[in-house]
């Protein structure tokens, strides 16, 4: 990565995952739960990256694609009576979870959302949409990601992740490795003036930020899907549901859809049943429930790591329940501090669809942002 930054021909872009901004400070002398977004961006610019962009942008994009995919599956099941469509639909952002289901429950691979993770969506767009907008040859773009997750390294090297015509993400560094870069460069992190992300794939909403916590993908999806279907904000506080937030290993929520817009009339009265599981022991419990026919979920969020991405294997050590709680509080504080808190409100995502993708699940979207996974042997 240092060689790429030093190469004048290469244009090196970096993306930062939601959970990094609430974990990085711990490696640099700050208390757990410190929010260091602005200083983090400033450090990356001082390190010499040509563009500092945000994985939260493609988290918002993931919600647009994944939410549309869920609604499409529901329509095919409820209206078209298509028995080939698989429900419940499961999220596909966590590469540890993806590899687990490939080994342990391959018969349910069709239940996975076909959406790539935000990291991989970003990589595919960096060498297509971004390259075109910036008039840069894609072979000269080097795509780097800063992740809380060691499994993201494996994900970036998967053969499925070359839809841009190149390796979509070239290098993945963990939060701890990022802290090492800062120390190697001799930066006094705590004295850096906060900076802002660069434009074009740098803007995001609170919904993108909460991807870093268990239940965050589910909440972000519900914020958008409910409003797209009904024209109203999802009334979390007024519904008798168990919240999708919190550190319980398995959480459930039921959202009743009432008075939808005309095009979604078939969903009137439907009770959308959702579940959230973090940690693979809890994922196994939920999957066994699905397999036995005891559950009737429509949508399930799975995260391999306890606490979600904020508890990932690349985060500062130690990671214990108290530290996870503080990181989660910081992530929701990031969300609450933003003006825009729903993915479909992101102006850069809207521009992306207008100028390049056209609409969710378009042909271009399918090519760049979606994928399929395959069965792996257990041993």
Protein backbone atom coordinates (compact mmCIF):
# COMPACT_ATOMS: atom_id res chain seq x y z
CA UNK A 1 0.00 0.00 0.00
CA UNK A 2 2.84 2.39 0.81
CA UNK A 3 4.33 1.62 -2.63
CA UNK A 4 1.02 2.46 -4.29
CA UNK A 5 0.78 5.79 -2.45
CA UNK A 6 4.35 6.64 -3.48
CA UNK A 7 3.67 5.78 -7.14
CA UNK A 8 2.71 9.01 -9.00
CA UNK A 9 0.79 7.03 -11.63
CA UNK A 10 -1.52 5.38 -9.10
CA UNK A 11 -4.63 7.03 -7.72
CA UNK A 12 -5.16 5.50 -4.29
CA UNK A 13 -8.64 5.69 -2.76
CA UNK A 14 -9.48 4.55 0.75
CA UNK A 15 -12.81 3.68 2.35
CA UNK A 16 -13.47 3.47 6.09
CA UNK A 17 -16.02 1.12 7.65
CA UNK A 18 -18.59 2.41 10.17
CA UNK A 19 -17.08 0.60 13.16
CA UNK A 20 -13.52 1.88 12.62
CA UNK A 21 -14.40 5.41 13.72
CA UNK A 22 -15.57 4.17 17.14
CA UNK A 23 -12.66 1.77 17.69
CA UNK A 24 -9.54 3.43 16.33
CA UNK A 25 -9.17 5.84 19.25
CA UNK A 26 -8.54 2.96 21.65
CA UNK A 27 -5.30 2.12 19.84
CA UNK A 28 -4.21 5.74 20.10
CA UNK A 29 -4.70 6.37 23.80
CA UNK A 30 -8.37 7.35 23.91
CA UNK A 31 -11.17 5.80 25.94
CA UNK A 32 -13.42 3.07 24.46
CA UNK A 33 -16.35 4.61 22.63
CA UNK A 34 -14.45 7.70 21.49
CA UNK A 35 -15.74 9.03 18.16
CA UNK A 36 -12.79 10.06 15.99
CA UNK A 37 -14.33 10.40 12.52
CA UNK A 38 -12.84 13.80 11.68
CA UNK A 39 -9.36 13.01 12.99
CA UNK A 40 -9.45 9.65 11.20
CA UNK A 41 -10.16 11.35 7.87
CA UNK A 42 -7.42 13.92 8.55
CA UNK A 43 -4.92 11.15 9.30
CA UNK A 44 -5.71 9.38 6.03
CA UNK A 45 -5.20 12.59 4.08
CA UNK A 46 -1.89 13.20 5.83
CA UNK A 47 -0.83 9.65 4.98
CA UNK A 48 -1.11 10.52 1.29
CA UNK A 49 -4.31 8.93 0.00
CA UNK A 50 -5.63 10.65 -3.12
CA UNK A 51 -9.25 10.34 -1.99
CA UNK A 52 -10.68 9.57 1.43
CA UNK A 53 -14.15 8.11 1.03
CA UNK A 54 -16.65 6.29 3.20
CA UNK A 55 -17.97 2.73 3.35
CA UNK A 56 -21.08 4.26 4.96
CA UNK A 57 -21.93 5.54 1.46
CA UNK A 58 -22.17 2.00 0.13
CA UNK A 59 -23.92 0.90 3.32
CA UNK A 60 -26.68 3.30 2.26
CA UNK A 61 -26.48 1.84 -1.23
CA UNK A 62 -26.73 -1.68 0.19
CA UNK A 63 -30.00 -0.74 1.88
CA UNK A 64 -31.43 0.52 -1.41
CA UNK A 65 -30.50 -2.70 -3.20
CA UNK A 66 -31.27 -5.09 -0.34
CA UNK A 67 -34.53 -3.40 0.60
CA UNK A 68 -35.72 -3.55 -3.01
CA UNK A 69 -34.66 -7.18 -3.18
CA UNK A 70 -36.71 -8.00 -0.07
CA UNK A 71 -39.79 -6.27 -1.45
CA UNK A 72 -39.33 -8.05 -4.78
CA UNK A 73 -39.16 -11.42 -3.04
CA UNK A 74 -42.27 -10.65 -0.98
CA UNK A 75 -44.20 -9.68 -4.13
CA UNK A 76 -43.18 -12.87 -5.91
CA UNK A 77 -44.28 -14.99 -2.95
CA UNK A 78 -47.49 -13.15 -1.99
CA UNK A 79 -48.76 -12.09 -5.42
CA UNK A 80 -47.15 -14.38 -7.98
CA UNK A 81 -47.19 -17.43 -5.67
CA UNK A 82 -43.71 -18.25 -6.94
CA UNK A 83 -42.54 -21.27 -4.94
CA UNK A 84 -38.98 -20.95 -6.22
CA UNK A 85 -38.38 -17.73 -4.24
CA UNK A 86 -36.58 -18.29 -0.95
CA UNK A 87 -37.70 -16.72 2.32
CA UNK A 88 -36.58 -15.71 4.86
CA UNK A 89 -34.03 -13.47 3.19
CA UNK A 90 -30.77 -13.21 5.13
CA UNK A 91 -28.29 -10.36 5.06
CA UNK A 92 -24.93 -10.84 3.33
CA UNK A 93 -22.69 -8.11 4.76
CA UNK A 94 -20.64 -10.24 7.16
CA UNK A 95 -18.00 -12.36 5.36
CA UNK A 96 -17.55 -14.58 8.41
CA UNK A 97 -21.26 -15.40 8.32
CA UNK A 98 -21.16 -15.94 4.55
CA UNK A 99 -18.36 -18.47 4.81
CA UNK A 100 -20.14 -20.16 7.73
CA UNK A 101 -23.36 -20.68 5.77
CA UNK A 102 -21.38 -21.91 2.75
CA UNK A 103 -19.95 -24.68 4.93
CA UNK A 104 -22.74 -25.42 7.39
CA UNK A 105 -26.05 -24.61 5.67
CA UNK A 106 -25.34 -24.64 1.92
CA UNK A 107 -28.92 -25.64 1.18
CA UNK A 108 -29.91 -22.13 2.31
CA UNK A 109 -27.54 -20.16 0.07
CA UNK A 110 -30.50 -19.01 -2.04
CA UNK A 111 -31.89 -17.37 1.09
CA UNK A 112 -28.92 -15.00 1.19
CA UNK A 113 -29.41 -11.55 -0.22
CA UNK A 114 -27.50 -11.38 -3.47
CA UNK A 115 -26.10 -8.00 -2.41
CA UNK A 116 -22.37 -7.76 -1.98
CA UNK A 117 -21.11 -6.24 1.24
CA UNK A 118 -20.64 -2.46 1.37
CA UNK A 119 -16.87 -2.98 1.11
CA UNK A 120 -17.21 -4.88 -2.15
CA UNK A 121 -19.87 -2.59 -3.60
CA UNK A 122 -17.48 0.29 -2.99
CA UNK A 123 -14.60 -1.54 -4.69
CA UNK A 124 -16.66 -2.32 -7.79
CA UNK A 125 -17.83 1.28 -8.08
CA UNK A 126 -14.37 2.74 -7.45
CA UNK A 127 -13.06 1.20 -10.67
CA UNK A 128 -16.16 1.96 -12.75
CA UNK A 129 -18.37 4.86 -11.63
CA UNK A 130 -15.66 6.75 -9.74
CA UNK A 131 -13.02 6.12 -12.41
CA UNK A 132 -15.30 7.45 -15.13
CA UNK A 133 -16.37 10.51 -13.11
CA UNK A 134 -12.77 11.39 -12.27
CA UNK A 135 -11.48 10.52 -15.76
CA UNK A 136 -8.96 8.02 -14.41
CA UNK A 137 -8.04 4.75 -16.06
CA UNK A 138 -9.36 2.00 -13.76
CA UNK A 139 -6.09 0.06 -13.91
CA UNK A 140 -4.47 3.06 -12.22
CA UNK A 141 -6.89 3.08 -9.30
CA UNK A 142 -5.79 1.28 -6.14
CA UNK A 143 -8.69 0.58 -3.81
CA UNK A 144 -7.91 0.28 -0.08
CA UNK A 145 -10.33 -0.39 2.75
CA UNK A 146 -9.96 0.10 6.49
CA UNK A 147 -12.08 -2.53 8.23
CA UNK A 148 -12.82 -3.78 11.76
CA UNK A 149 -12.82 -7.30 10.33
CA UNK A 150 -10.06 -9.77 9.51
CA UNK A 151 -12.43 -11.77 7.29
CA UNK A 152 -12.70 -8.78 4.97
CA UNK A 153 -9.20 -9.65 3.75
CA UNK A 154 -10.49 -13.06 2.65
CA UNK A 155 -13.60 -11.51 1.10
CA UNK A 156 -11.57 -9.09 -1.03
CA UNK A 157 -9.66 -12.00 -2.57
CA UNK A 158 -12.73 -14.10 -3.38
CA UNK A 159 -12.98 -14.92 -7.11
CA UNK A 160 -16.52 -13.47 -7.14
CA UNK A 161 -15.16 -10.00 -6.42
CA UNK A 162 -13.79 -8.96 -9.83
CA UNK A 163 -16.90 -7.54 -11.49
CA UNK A 164 -15.25 -4.20 -12.23
CA UNK A 165 -12.90 -6.09 -14.55
CA UNK A 166 -10.17 -5.86 -11.91
CA UNK A 167 -9.79 -6.91 -8.29
CA UNK A 168 -12.49 -4.69 -6.81
CA UNK A 169 -10.65 -4.11 -3.49
CA UNK A 170 -6.87 -4.32 -3.66
CA UNK A 171 -5.83 -4.08 0.00
CA UNK A 172 -7.66 -4.46 3.29
CA UNK A 173 -6.22 -3.11 6.54
CA UNK A 174 -7.72 -3.67 9.96
CA UNK A 175 -8.35 -0.95 12.53
CA UNK A 176 -5.24 -2.06 14.42
CA UNK A 177 -3.12 -2.00 11.25
CA UNK A 178 -4.43 1.49 10.50
CA UNK A 179 -3.24 2.61 13.94
CA UNK A 180 0.19 1.18 13.11
CA UNK A 181 0.28 3.30 9.92
CA UNK A 182 -0.50 6.41 11.94
CA UNK A 183 2.30 5.62 14.38
CA UNK A 184 4.73 4.76 11.56
CA UNK A 185 4.07 8.14 10.00
CA UNK A 186 4.74 9.91 13.28
CA UNK A 187 1.35 11.63 13.34
CA UNK A 188 0.12 13.08 16.63
CA UNK A 189 -3.42 11.81 16.14
CA UNK A 190 -4.98 13.73 19.00
CA UNK A 191 -3.72 17.06 17.64
CA UNK A 192 -5.07 16.58 14.11
CA UNK A 193 -7.72 19.07 13.01
CA UNK A 194 -10.88 17.15 12.01
CA UNK A 195 -11.39 16.87 8.25
CA UNK A 196 -14.32 15.87 6.05
CA UNK A 197 -14.62 13.03 3.57
CA UNK A 198 -14.10 13.82 -0.09
CA UNK A 199 -17.13 14.02 -2.34
CA UNK A 200 -18.50 11.36 -4.71
CA UNK A 201 -18.88 8.23 -2.56
CA UNK A 202 -18.05 10.15 0.60
CA UNK A 203 -21.51 11.20 1.77
CA UNK A 204 -23.68 9.04 4.03
CA UNK A 205 -26.62 8.98 6.42
CA UNK A 206 -27.12 7.76 9.96
CA UNK A 207 -28.51 4.54 8.55
CA UNK A 208 -25.11 3.80 7.02
CA UNK A 209 -23.35 4.51 10.30
CA UNK A 210 -25.36 2.01 12.35
CA UNK A 211 -24.27 -0.86 10.09
CA UNK A 212 -21.39 -1.24 12.54
CA UNK A 213 -23.60 -2.48 15.41
CA UNK A 214 -25.67 -5.64 15.71
CA UNK A 215 -29.20 -4.83 14.57
CA UNK A 216 -28.00 -1.83 12.60
CA UNK A 217 -28.53 -3.31 9.15
CA UNK A 218 -32.03 -4.40 10.16
CA UNK A 219 -32.93 -0.98 11.54
CA UNK A 220 -31.50 0.80 8.51
CA UNK A 221 -33.47 -1.48 6.19
CA UNK A 222 -36.71 -0.96 8.12
CA UNK A 223 -36.27 2.83 8.10
CA UNK A 224 -36.19 2.78 4.30
CA UNK A 225 -38.45 -0.14 3.37
CA UNK A 226 -41.33 0.94 5.59
CA UNK A 227 -41.20 4.51 4.28
CA UNK A 228 -40.97 3.42 0.64
CA UNK A 229 -44.00 1.17 1.10
CA UNK A 230 -46.21 3.47 3.19
CA UNK A 231 -44.86 6.97 2.62
CA UNK A 232 -44.46 7.29 6.39
CA UNK A 233 -41.55 6.90 8.79
CA UNK A 234 -41.39 3.57 10.55
CA UNK A 235 -43.08 4.14 13.95
CA UNK A 236 -40.61 2.23 16.12
CA UNK A 237 -41.78 3.89 19.33
CA UNK A 238 -45.47 3.28 18.67
CA UNK A 239 -45.28 -0.40 17.80
CA UNK A 240 -45.39 -3.16 20.38
CA UNK A 241 -42.15 -4.76 19.21
CA UNK A 242 -38.92 -5.81 20.79
CA UNK A 243 -36.26 -3.37 19.59
CA UNK A 244 -33.63 -4.57 17.14
CA UNK A 245 -30.99 -2.66 19.12
CA UNK A 246 -29.10 -4.11 22.06
CA UNK A 247 -26.66 -6.90 22.83
CA UNK A 248 -29.08 -9.78 23.26
CA UNK A 249 -27.83 -12.70 21.18
CA UNK A 250 -31.10 -13.08 19.27
CA UNK A 251 -33.61 -10.28 18.85
CA UNK A 252 -36.99 -10.36 17.12
CA UNK A 253 -39.31 -7.65 15.80
CA UNK A 254 -42.65 -7.62 14.00
CA UNK A 255 -43.67 -4.65 11.87
CA UNK A 256 -47.28 -4.56 10.72
CA UNK A 257 -47.77 -2.78 7.41
CA UNK A 258 -50.96 -0.73 7.27
CA UNK A 259 -52.32 1.58 4.58
CA UNK A 260 -49.47 1.12 2.10
CA UNK A 261 -49.14 3.12 -1.08
CA UNK A 262 -51.17 1.82 -4.01
CA UNK A 263 -48.32 -0.06 -5.71
CA UNK A 264 -47.68 -1.97 -2.48
CA UNK A 265 -51.33 -2.72 -1.70
CA UNK A 266 -50.58 -6.44 -1.55
CA UNK A 267 -48.63 -5.83 1.66
CA UNK A 268 -51.57 -4.29 3.51
CA UNK A 269 -51.94 -6.07 6.84
CA UNK A 270 -48.78 -8.12 6.42
CA UNK A 271 -46.80 -8.55 9.61
CA UNK A 272 -43.16 -8.42 8.59
CA UNK A 273 -41.30 -10.73 10.95
CA UNK A 274 -37.63 -9.98 11.48
CA UNK A 275 -34.80 -11.44 13.52
CA UNK A 276 -31.26 -10.37 14.40
CA UNK A 277 -28.50 -12.77 15.45
CA UNK A 278 -24.88 -11.94 16.26
CA UNK A 279 -22.17 -14.45 17.07
CA UNK A 280 -22.19 -17.72 15.17
CA UNK A 281 -23.61 -19.74 18.05
CA UNK A 282 -26.72 -17.55 17.84
CA UNK A 283 -26.68 -17.76 14.04
CA UNK A 284 -26.75 -21.55 14.40
CA UNK A 285 -29.73 -21.36 16.76
CA UNK A 286 -31.70 -19.22 14.31
CA UNK A 287 -30.74 -21.32 11.28
CA UNK A 288 -31.73 -24.53 13.06
CA UNK A 289 -35.07 -22.92 13.85
CA UNK A 290 -35.52 -22.03 10.17
CA UNK A 291 -34.47 -25.52 9.13
CA UNK A 292 -36.93 -27.18 11.50
CA UNK A 293 -39.80 -25.05 10.20
CA UNK A 294 -40.42 -23.53 13.64
CA UNK A 295 -39.78 -19.94 12.57
CA UNK A 296 -41.72 -17.79 10.11
CA UNK A 297 -39.31 -14.92 9.58
CA UNK A 298 -39.24 -12.82 6.44
CA UNK A 299 -35.90 -11.10 7.02
CA UNK A 300 -32.90 -11.99 9.21
CA UNK A 301 -29.73 -10.05 9.96
CA UNK A 302 -26.70 -12.18 10.76
CA UNK A 303 -23.32 -10.98 12.03
CA UNK A 304 -20.49 -13.39 12.77
CA UNK A 305 -18.99 -11.28 15.56
CA UNK A 306 -20.57 -10.61 18.95
CA UNK A 307 -21.81 -7.04 18.94
CA UNK A 308 -21.60 -6.90 15.16
CA UNK A 309 -18.72 -5.29 13.26
CA UNK A 310 -17.78 -3.13 16.22
CA UNK A 311 -16.60 -6.37 17.85
CA UNK A 312 -14.68 -7.54 14.79
CA UNK A 313 -11.39 -9.40 14.84
CA UNK A 314 -9.46 -6.40 13.54
CA UNK A 315 -10.61 -4.05 16.29
CA UNK A 316 -8.48 -2.98 19.26
CA UNK A 317 -7.91 -5.61 21.94
CA UNK A 318 -9.42 -6.27 24.43
CA UNK A 319 -13.01 -6.37 23.21
CA UNK A 320 -15.32 -7.25 26.08
CA UNK A 321 -19.05 -6.67 26.72
CA UNK A 322 -18.47 -3.29 28.37
CA UNK A 323 -16.30 -2.06 25.48
CA UNK A 324 -18.78 -3.35 22.90
CA UNK A 325 -21.54 -1.42 24.68
CA UNK A 326 -19.52 1.81 24.59
CA UNK A 327 -18.66 1.37 20.91
CA UNK A 328 -22.34 0.76 20.14
CA UNK A 329 -23.36 3.90 22.02
CA UNK A 330 -20.81 5.83 19.96
CA UNK A 331 -22.20 4.44 16.70
CA UNK A 332 -25.75 5.48 17.60
CA UNK A 333 -24.41 8.88 18.62
CA UNK A 334 -22.90 9.20 15.13
CA UNK A 335 -26.32 8.38 13.70
CA UNK A 336 -28.11 10.86 15.92
CA UNK A 337 -25.70 13.67 15.05
CA UNK A 338 -26.41 13.46 11.32
CA UNK A 339 -29.11 15.46 9.58
CA UNK A 340 -30.00 12.65 7.18
CA UNK A 341 -30.74 9.32 8.85
CA UNK A 342 -32.36 7.23 6.11
CA UNK A 343 -30.48 5.65 3.23
CA UNK A 344 -32.90 6.76 0.53
CA UNK A 345 -32.22 10.39 1.52
CA UNK A 346 -28.51 10.22 0.67
CA UNK A 347 -28.01 12.75 -2.17
CA UNK A 348 -24.89 11.00 -3.48
CA UNK A 349 -26.74 7.69 -3.68
CA UNK A 350 -29.51 9.43 -5.61
CA UNK A 351 -26.91 10.91 -7.96
CA UNK A 352 -25.33 7.47 -8.43
CA UNK A 353 -28.66 6.03 -9.56
CA UNK A 354 -29.43 9.02 -11.77
CA UNK A 355 -26.05 9.08 -13.50
CA UNK A 356 -24.99 5.44 -13.53
CA UNK A 357 -27.10 2.66 -12.01
CA UNK A 358 -30.54 3.99 -13.09
CA UNK A 359 -32.52 2.18 -10.36
CA UNK A 360 -32.11 -0.53 -7.69
CA UNK A 361 -31.71 -4.04 -9.15
CA UNK A 362 -30.98 -2.61 -12.60
CA UNK A 363 -28.83 -4.56 -15.03
CA UNK A 364 -25.78 -2.51 -14.05
CA UNK A 365 -26.56 -2.99 -10.36
CA UNK A 366 -26.87 -6.73 -10.81
CA UNK A 367 -23.53 -6.88 -12.60
CA UNK A 368 -21.53 -4.76 -10.16
CA UNK A 369 -23.30 -4.97 -6.81
CA UNK A 370 -24.73 -8.48 -6.61
CA UNK A 371 -23.23 -11.95 -6.49
CA UNK A 372 -23.84 -15.61 -5.64
CA UNK A 373 -22.04 -17.91 -3.23
CA UNK A 374 -21.27 -21.62 -3.46
CA UNK A 375 -21.28 -24.68 -1.24
CA UNK A 376 -18.03 -25.53 0.56
CA UNK A 377 -17.06 -28.79 2.22
CA UNK A 378 -17.17 -28.80 6.01
CA UNK A 379 -13.82 -30.48 6.54
